Amino acid sequence: MTLTSRLVAAALGLAALAGPALADFPERNIESIYPWAPGATMAASQVIADAMGDELGVNISVVSTPGAGGVKAFETALSRDADGYTLFDGYVAPLVIQPMKGNADWTYQDFTPLWSATSNSFAIAVRADDDRFDDLSDLIAYMKENPGDLRYSPGVAGGIPHMVGAATLMATDTVAQLVPYPEIDVAVRDMRGGILDFMVTNPGVYNVNKADMKVLAVLSDLADASATYGGAPLVGAFDIDIGMANLSPSGWNWWLVRKDTPEDVVTTLRNAMEAALNRDDVRQRLLDMGYVPTGFSPDQYEDIVGAVAGELEHGQKAIEWETEKLNGL
C-alpha cells in the first residue's frame, strides 16, 4: 500500500470513529416523563410534545408515571442518562412541594429548564343544578352559618388544589369537611351524585364536565384564567386574598432536563419547544382544552419558580389551620 493509500485509509477510519460523536441530536425518539395518571392534563402535554417532535423530526411520547406526589416520575427521569432523550414534565408538586416536605433530595435548581408550558388555574365549583349557591359569597355565608356542614374535595390531600382550597377557607374563616380522592375525576362523580357539596377543580376536568358544574370562583389572579372557566369571576372579585393566588394555584409546569445535559442538546430542545409553543394551532388547541400557554422563558425560571416557595408555605399552613379547625368541631 502506498503512503497516499495509507493516509486515505487512516482518514476514513478516523471519520468512521468520529461519525457517531458528530451526529446531530436527536437521532431517536424522546420521552417526556409525566407525573400523574392519564387525563386531560396529560393530553395537553402530548399536544406540546407532538409539536416539539415535528420541529425535531422525531416522536416525543408523554409517559404517565404516577406515584408519591410526582416523586416517582422525577426519580424515573433522573435514572436516565443526561442526553436529552428524557424530559421532565415538571409540575410544582414534584419540583418544589415534595422537596419542601423532605420527600425528595433535589431542588428546582438541580434541573435545567427548557420553557414553561401551560397554566391551569384551579376553581371552586358546585353541582350545576345546586340552587343554594349563586356565587362564592353565598357559599361562604352558608359555611359561616353551618361550620363543617358541607363536604368538599380538592382531589389528593396535601396537593396544590388542597392548599388553595384550604387557603380560601382560612382567608374567609370558614370550614368544610375534607374528603380526599386519589383521582379528581372520582370527586366529580361524587359531587354529581350529591355526596360532595363543592370541589376544587382544574380546567381539564371542568372542560370535560362543564355541563355538570357551576364555577363560583377562579382561585387565581391571572386574568386569562377566567376565560378557561367560561368567564367565571376571579377570587379577587369577592375581595378575598387567599395569599397564593398568583403562580402557585395555576398548576404551571416547566419542561426540564437533567442539569448535566450537554449545552448544545439543551439549546436544540429549547428552540424546538419555543417554536412549538409559538405555533398558532398549538396555542389554540391548548386554549380549547382549557389551558393557558404561559411561555415563560428559561431566563425567568429562577425568578418564577423560586418565588412560589413562600406561597406554598402559606398553603401548607392553611392545611394545618384547616386540620385544627376540623378537629375542633
Protein backbone atom coordinates (compact mmCIF):
# COMPACT_ATOMS: atom_id res chain seq x y z
CA MET A 1 0.00 0.00 0.00
CA THR A 2 1.35 3.39 -0.96
CA LEU A 3 1.74 6.24 1.53
CA THR A 4 -1.19 8.03 -0.08
CA SER A 5 -3.39 4.94 0.24
CA ARG A 6 -2.43 4.53 3.87
CA LEU A 7 -3.27 8.20 4.60
CA VAL A 8 -6.64 7.87 2.87
CA ALA A 9 -7.44 4.69 4.80
CA ALA A 10 -6.46 6.32 8.07
CA ALA A 11 -8.62 9.35 7.33
CA LEU A 12 -11.59 7.14 6.52
CA GLY A 13 -11.06 5.23 9.74
CA LEU A 14 -10.98 8.41 11.79
CA ALA A 15 -14.11 9.65 10.06
CA ALA A 16 -15.90 6.40 10.88
CA LEU A 17 -14.90 6.67 14.52
CA ALA A 18 -15.92 10.32 14.70
CA GLY A 19 -19.24 9.76 12.94
CA PRO A 20 -21.43 8.85 15.95
CA ALA A 21 -19.95 11.61 18.12
CA LEU A 22 -20.67 14.22 15.46
CA ALA A 23 -24.21 13.02 14.75
CA ASP A 24 -26.92 15.63 15.13
CA PHE A 25 -29.26 15.43 18.11
CA PRO A 26 -31.80 13.86 18.18
CA GLU A 27 -31.17 10.57 16.45
CA ARG A 28 -34.04 8.69 18.08
CA ASN A 29 -37.36 9.25 19.81
CA ILE A 30 -37.65 11.15 23.09
CA GLU A 31 -39.75 10.51 26.21
CA SER A 32 -41.34 13.12 28.44
CA ILE A 33 -41.98 11.65 31.90
CA TYR A 34 -45.37 12.87 33.13
CA PRO A 35 -46.01 12.67 36.90
CA TRP A 36 -49.75 11.98 37.02
CA ALA A 37 -52.27 9.44 35.78
CA PRO A 38 -53.54 9.83 32.20
CA GLY A 39 -56.17 12.52 31.75
CA ALA A 40 -56.86 15.95 30.28
CA THR A 41 -53.64 17.49 31.59
CA MET A 42 -51.57 14.70 30.06
CA ALA A 43 -53.37 15.28 26.76
CA ALA A 44 -52.27 18.94 26.86
CA SER A 45 -48.67 17.85 27.40
CA GLN A 46 -48.96 15.50 24.42
CA VAL A 47 -50.09 18.40 22.23
CA ILE A 48 -46.85 20.21 23.07
CA ALA A 49 -44.81 17.01 22.71
CA ASP A 50 -46.23 16.35 19.25
CA ALA A 51 -45.43 19.88 18.11
CA MET A 52 -41.91 19.66 19.52
CA GLY A 53 -41.48 16.33 17.76
CA ASP A 54 -42.49 17.97 14.48
CA GLU A 55 -39.76 20.56 14.98
CA LEU A 56 -37.14 17.93 15.84
CA GLY A 57 -38.17 15.30 13.31
CA VAL A 58 -38.72 12.59 15.95
CA ASN A 59 -41.56 11.30 18.08
CA ILE A 60 -41.89 12.57 21.67
CA SER A 61 -44.14 10.38 23.79
CA VAL A 62 -45.59 11.54 27.10
CA VAL A 63 -45.25 8.65 29.55
CA SER A 64 -47.55 8.60 32.57
CA THR A 65 -45.55 7.70 35.71
CA PRO A 66 -47.77 8.50 38.72
CA GLY A 67 -46.85 7.93 42.34
CA ALA A 68 -45.70 9.66 45.53
CA GLY A 69 -46.95 13.10 44.51
CA GLY A 70 -44.78 13.22 41.39
CA VAL A 71 -41.62 11.88 43.06
CA LYS A 72 -41.73 8.57 41.16
CA ALA A 73 -41.72 10.36 37.81
CA PHE A 74 -38.73 12.51 38.75
CA GLU A 75 -36.83 9.51 40.10
CA THR A 76 -37.54 7.65 36.87
CA ALA A 77 -36.26 10.54 34.75
CA LEU A 78 -33.21 11.05 36.97
CA SER A 79 -32.27 7.40 36.50
CA ARG A 80 -31.85 8.02 32.75
CA ASP A 81 -28.77 9.40 31.03
CA ALA A 82 -28.39 13.18 30.76
CA ASP A 83 -28.51 13.03 26.97
CA GLY A 84 -31.72 14.95 26.22
CA TYR A 85 -33.72 11.84 25.36
CA THR A 86 -35.64 12.02 28.65
CA LEU A 87 -37.58 15.16 29.59
CA PHE A 88 -39.20 16.03 32.92
CA ASP A 89 -42.76 17.35 32.77
CA GLY A 90 -42.08 19.42 35.87
CA TYR A 91 -45.12 20.40 37.86
CA VAL A 92 -45.00 22.40 41.09
CA ALA A 93 -45.63 19.38 43.32
CA PRO A 94 -42.56 17.26 42.47
CA LEU A 95 -40.41 20.27 41.61
CA VAL A 96 -41.00 22.38 44.74
CA ILE A 97 -43.50 20.90 47.19
CA GLN A 98 -42.05 17.42 47.67
CA PRO A 99 -38.52 18.74 48.34
CA MET A 100 -40.01 21.25 50.79
CA LYS A 101 -41.68 18.38 52.63
CA GLY A 102 -38.45 16.38 52.73
CA ASN A 103 -39.82 13.74 50.36
CA ALA A 104 -37.21 14.37 47.65
CA ASP A 105 -33.49 15.11 47.69
CA TRP A 106 -33.47 17.65 44.86
CA THR A 107 -34.39 21.31 44.46
CA TYR A 108 -35.65 23.18 41.42
CA GLN A 109 -32.08 24.42 40.94
CA ASP A 110 -30.90 20.89 40.17
CA PHE A 111 -32.54 20.98 36.72
CA THR A 112 -32.08 22.90 33.52
CA PRO A 113 -35.32 24.49 32.25
CA LEU A 114 -36.47 24.38 28.65
CA TRP A 115 -39.64 26.53 28.71
CA SER A 116 -42.73 26.86 30.86
CA ALA A 117 -45.65 25.17 29.14
CA THR A 118 -49.12 25.86 30.49
CA SER A 119 -51.12 27.29 33.36
CA ASN A 120 -54.22 25.57 34.65
CA SER A 121 -55.71 27.67 37.42
CA PHE A 122 -57.94 25.94 39.93
CA ALA A 123 -61.51 26.93 40.74
CA ILE A 124 -64.28 26.26 43.25
CA ALA A 125 -67.26 24.54 41.65
CA VAL A 126 -70.61 23.16 42.76
CA ARG A 127 -73.09 20.91 41.01
CA ALA A 128 -74.70 22.71 38.06
CA ASP A 129 -78.23 22.40 39.47
CA ASP A 130 -77.28 23.33 43.06
CA ASP A 131 -79.52 26.36 43.66
CA ARG A 132 -78.14 27.05 47.14
CA PHE A 133 -75.16 28.97 45.82
CA ASP A 134 -75.17 31.56 43.03
CA ASP A 135 -71.63 32.69 43.72
CA LEU A 136 -68.76 32.34 46.17
CA SER A 137 -70.32 34.82 48.59
CA ASP A 138 -73.32 32.51 49.01
CA LEU A 139 -71.05 29.54 49.71
CA ILE A 140 -69.05 31.50 52.30
CA ALA A 141 -72.21 32.74 54.03
CA TYR A 142 -73.56 29.20 54.27
CA MET A 143 -70.32 27.83 55.74
CA LYS A 144 -70.19 30.63 58.31
CA GLU A 145 -73.69 29.74 59.47
CA ASN A 146 -73.08 25.98 59.28
CA PRO A 147 -69.42 25.26 60.14
CA GLY A 148 -68.33 21.83 58.95
CA ASP A 149 -71.72 21.00 57.45
CA LEU A 150 -70.56 20.93 53.82
CA ARG A 151 -68.27 18.32 52.29
CA TYR A 152 -65.64 19.21 49.70
CA SER A 153 -62.74 17.64 47.85
CA PRO A 154 -59.57 19.00 46.25
CA GLY A 155 -58.69 15.54 44.96
CA VAL A 156 -55.49 14.37 46.63
CA ALA A 157 -54.93 15.69 50.16
CA GLY A 158 -51.86 17.91 50.54
CA GLY A 159 -51.50 18.90 46.88
CA ILE A 160 -51.78 22.38 45.43
CA PRO A 161 -55.58 22.18 44.91
CA HIS A 162 -55.89 21.32 48.60
CA MET A 163 -53.56 24.19 49.53
CA VAL A 164 -55.55 26.80 47.62
CA GLY A 165 -58.84 25.38 48.84
CA ALA A 166 -57.65 25.48 52.47
CA ALA A 167 -56.19 28.96 51.94
CA THR A 168 -59.58 30.16 50.67
CA LEU A 169 -61.30 28.71 53.74
CA MET A 170 -58.71 30.24 56.05
CA ALA A 171 -59.00 33.65 54.38
CA THR A 172 -62.76 33.60 54.90
CA ASP A 173 -62.63 31.90 58.33
CA THR A 174 -64.87 29.08 57.14
CA VAL A 175 -64.52 25.32 57.32
CA ALA A 176 -65.88 22.29 55.46
CA GLN A 177 -65.33 18.56 55.79
CA LEU A 178 -62.38 17.42 53.67
CA VAL A 179 -62.96 14.34 51.50
CA PRO A 180 -59.76 13.38 49.64
CA TYR A 181 -59.71 11.24 46.49
CA PRO A 182 -56.74 9.67 44.69
CA GLU A 183 -58.14 10.96 41.38
CA ILE A 184 -60.09 14.18 40.88
CA ASP A 185 -62.43 12.52 38.36
CA VAL A 186 -63.91 10.44 41.19
CA ALA A 187 -64.69 13.64 43.10
CA VAL A 188 -66.64 14.91 40.09
CA ARG A 189 -68.75 11.75 40.11
CA ASP A 190 -69.49 12.07 43.82
CA MET A 191 -70.34 15.78 43.54
CA ARG A 192 -72.71 14.91 40.72
CA GLY A 193 -74.27 12.30 42.99
CA GLY A 194 -74.68 14.71 45.91
CA ILE A 195 -72.02 13.14 48.15
CA LEU A 196 -69.90 16.28 47.85
CA ASP A 197 -71.17 19.85 48.07
CA PHE A 198 -68.29 21.53 46.27
CA MET A 199 -64.85 20.79 44.90
CA VAL A 200 -61.62 22.38 43.74
CA THR A 201 -61.38 21.63 40.04
CA ASN A 202 -58.93 22.29 37.19
CA PRO A 203 -59.62 23.41 33.60
CA GLY A 204 -59.19 19.96 32.09
CA VAL A 205 -61.70 18.37 34.43
CA TYR A 206 -64.06 21.32 34.03
CA ASN A 207 -63.83 21.18 30.25
CA VAL A 208 -64.94 17.55 30.22
CA ASN A 209 -67.64 18.00 32.88
CA LYS A 210 -68.81 21.60 32.39
CA ALA A 211 -72.44 20.52 31.92
CA ASP A 212 -72.37 19.15 35.47
CA MET A 213 -70.52 22.05 37.12
CA LYS A 214 -71.17 25.65 38.15
CA VAL A 215 -67.95 27.56 38.85
CA LEU A 216 -68.27 30.02 41.74
CA ALA A 217 -64.76 31.50 41.62
CA VAL A 218 -61.42 31.00 39.90
CA LEU A 219 -58.64 30.77 42.51
CA SER A 220 -56.12 32.88 40.65
CA ASP A 221 -55.23 36.47 39.87
CA LEU A 222 -54.25 35.62 36.30
CA ALA A 223 -56.70 37.44 34.01
CA ASP A 224 -56.66 34.73 31.33
CA ALA A 225 -57.72 32.14 33.91
CA SER A 226 -61.29 33.44 33.91
CA ALA A 227 -61.73 32.65 30.22
CA THR A 228 -60.84 28.99 30.80
CA TYR A 229 -63.92 28.73 33.03
CA GLY A 230 -66.40 30.43 30.75
CA GLY A 231 -65.84 33.90 32.22
CA ALA A 232 -66.31 32.90 35.89
CA PRO A 233 -65.13 35.59 38.35
CA LEU A 234 -61.66 35.58 39.86
CA VAL A 235 -61.44 35.17 43.62
CA GLY A 236 -60.28 38.79 43.92
CA ALA A 237 -63.69 39.96 42.71
CA PHE A 238 -65.02 38.92 46.13
CA ASP A 239 -62.36 40.96 47.99
CA ILE A 240 -60.69 37.74 49.14
CA ASP A 241 -56.91 37.48 49.23
CA ILE A 242 -56.01 33.82 49.63
CA GLY A 243 -52.30 34.63 49.88
CA MET A 244 -51.25 32.42 46.98
CA ALA A 245 -53.36 33.49 44.05
CA ASN A 246 -50.57 34.11 41.53
CA LEU A 247 -48.45 31.27 40.20
CA SER A 248 -48.89 28.55 42.79
CA PRO A 249 -52.55 27.75 42.18
CA SER A 250 -52.05 27.98 38.45
CA GLY A 251 -50.60 24.49 38.36
CA TRP A 252 -47.99 25.59 35.83
CA ASN A 253 -45.46 23.14 34.51
CA TRP A 254 -41.92 23.63 33.26
CA TRP A 255 -40.30 21.15 30.92
CA LEU A 256 -36.86 20.30 32.23
CA VAL A 257 -33.79 18.18 31.62
CA ARG A 258 -31.06 17.00 33.92
CA LYS A 259 -28.58 19.67 34.97
CA ASP A 260 -25.65 17.90 33.31
CA THR A 261 -27.29 17.71 29.88
CA PRO A 262 -24.89 19.00 27.17
CA GLU A 263 -25.39 22.65 26.27
CA ASP A 264 -25.92 22.05 22.57
CA VAL A 265 -28.62 19.49 23.32
CA VAL A 266 -30.35 21.92 25.68
CA THR A 267 -30.26 24.63 23.00
CA THR A 268 -31.81 22.29 20.43
CA LEU A 269 -34.62 21.29 22.80
CA ARG A 270 -35.28 24.88 23.85
CA ASN A 271 -35.50 26.08 20.26
CA ALA A 272 -37.91 23.27 19.40
CA MET A 273 -40.14 23.92 22.41
CA GLU A 274 -40.19 27.67 21.81
CA ALA A 275 -41.22 27.10 18.21
CA ALA A 276 -43.90 24.62 19.29
CA LEU A 277 -45.40 26.97 21.88
CA ASN A 278 -45.47 29.83 19.35
CA ARG A 279 -47.46 27.86 16.80
CA ASP A 280 -50.99 29.28 16.47
CA ASP A 281 -52.53 25.85 16.09
CA VAL A 282 -50.84 24.59 19.25
CA ARG A 283 -51.88 27.62 21.29
CA GLN A 284 -55.47 27.33 20.09
CA ARG A 285 -55.66 23.61 20.87
CA LEU A 286 -54.38 24.26 24.40
CA LEU A 287 -56.85 27.10 24.91
CA ASP A 288 -59.69 24.91 23.62
CA MET A 289 -58.68 22.31 26.23
CA GLY A 290 -58.78 24.92 29.00
CA TYR A 291 -55.05 25.55 29.36
CA VAL A 292 -53.38 28.94 29.05
CA PRO A 293 -49.96 28.74 27.36
CA THR A 294 -47.52 30.52 29.66
CA GLY A 295 -44.38 30.68 27.55
CA PHE A 296 -42.13 31.75 30.42
CA SER A 297 -38.57 31.65 29.09
CA PRO A 298 -35.60 29.80 30.64
CA ASP A 299 -34.28 33.17 31.86
CA GLN A 300 -37.41 33.58 34.01
CA TYR A 301 -37.12 30.19 35.68
CA GLU A 302 -35.26 31.29 38.81
CA ASP A 303 -37.48 34.30 39.49
CA ILE A 304 -40.75 32.44 38.94
CA VAL A 305 -40.05 29.05 40.49
CA GLY A 306 -38.04 30.43 43.39
CA ALA A 307 -40.78 32.90 44.30
CA VAL A 308 -43.53 30.33 44.79
CA ALA A 309 -41.88 28.74 47.82
CA GLY A 310 -43.38 31.39 50.11
CA GLU A 311 -46.84 30.89 48.65
CA LEU A 312 -46.57 27.13 49.03
CA GLU A 313 -45.50 27.51 52.65
CA HIS A 314 -48.61 29.64 53.16
CA GLY A 315 -50.68 26.85 51.58
CA GLN A 316 -49.19 24.26 53.93
CA LYS A 317 -50.01 26.48 56.92
CA ALA A 318 -53.57 26.78 55.62
CA ILE A 319 -53.88 22.99 55.59
CA GLU A 320 -52.63 22.87 59.18
CA TRP A 321 -55.17 25.56 60.11
CA GLU A 322 -57.93 23.57 58.39
CA THR A 323 -56.96 20.39 60.28
CA GLU A 324 -57.10 22.19 63.61
CA LYS A 325 -60.47 23.68 62.78
CA LEU A 326 -61.92 20.30 61.76
CA ASN A 327 -60.54 18.62 64.87
CA GLY A 328 -62.22 21.31 66.95
CA LEU A 329 -65.69 20.72 65.57
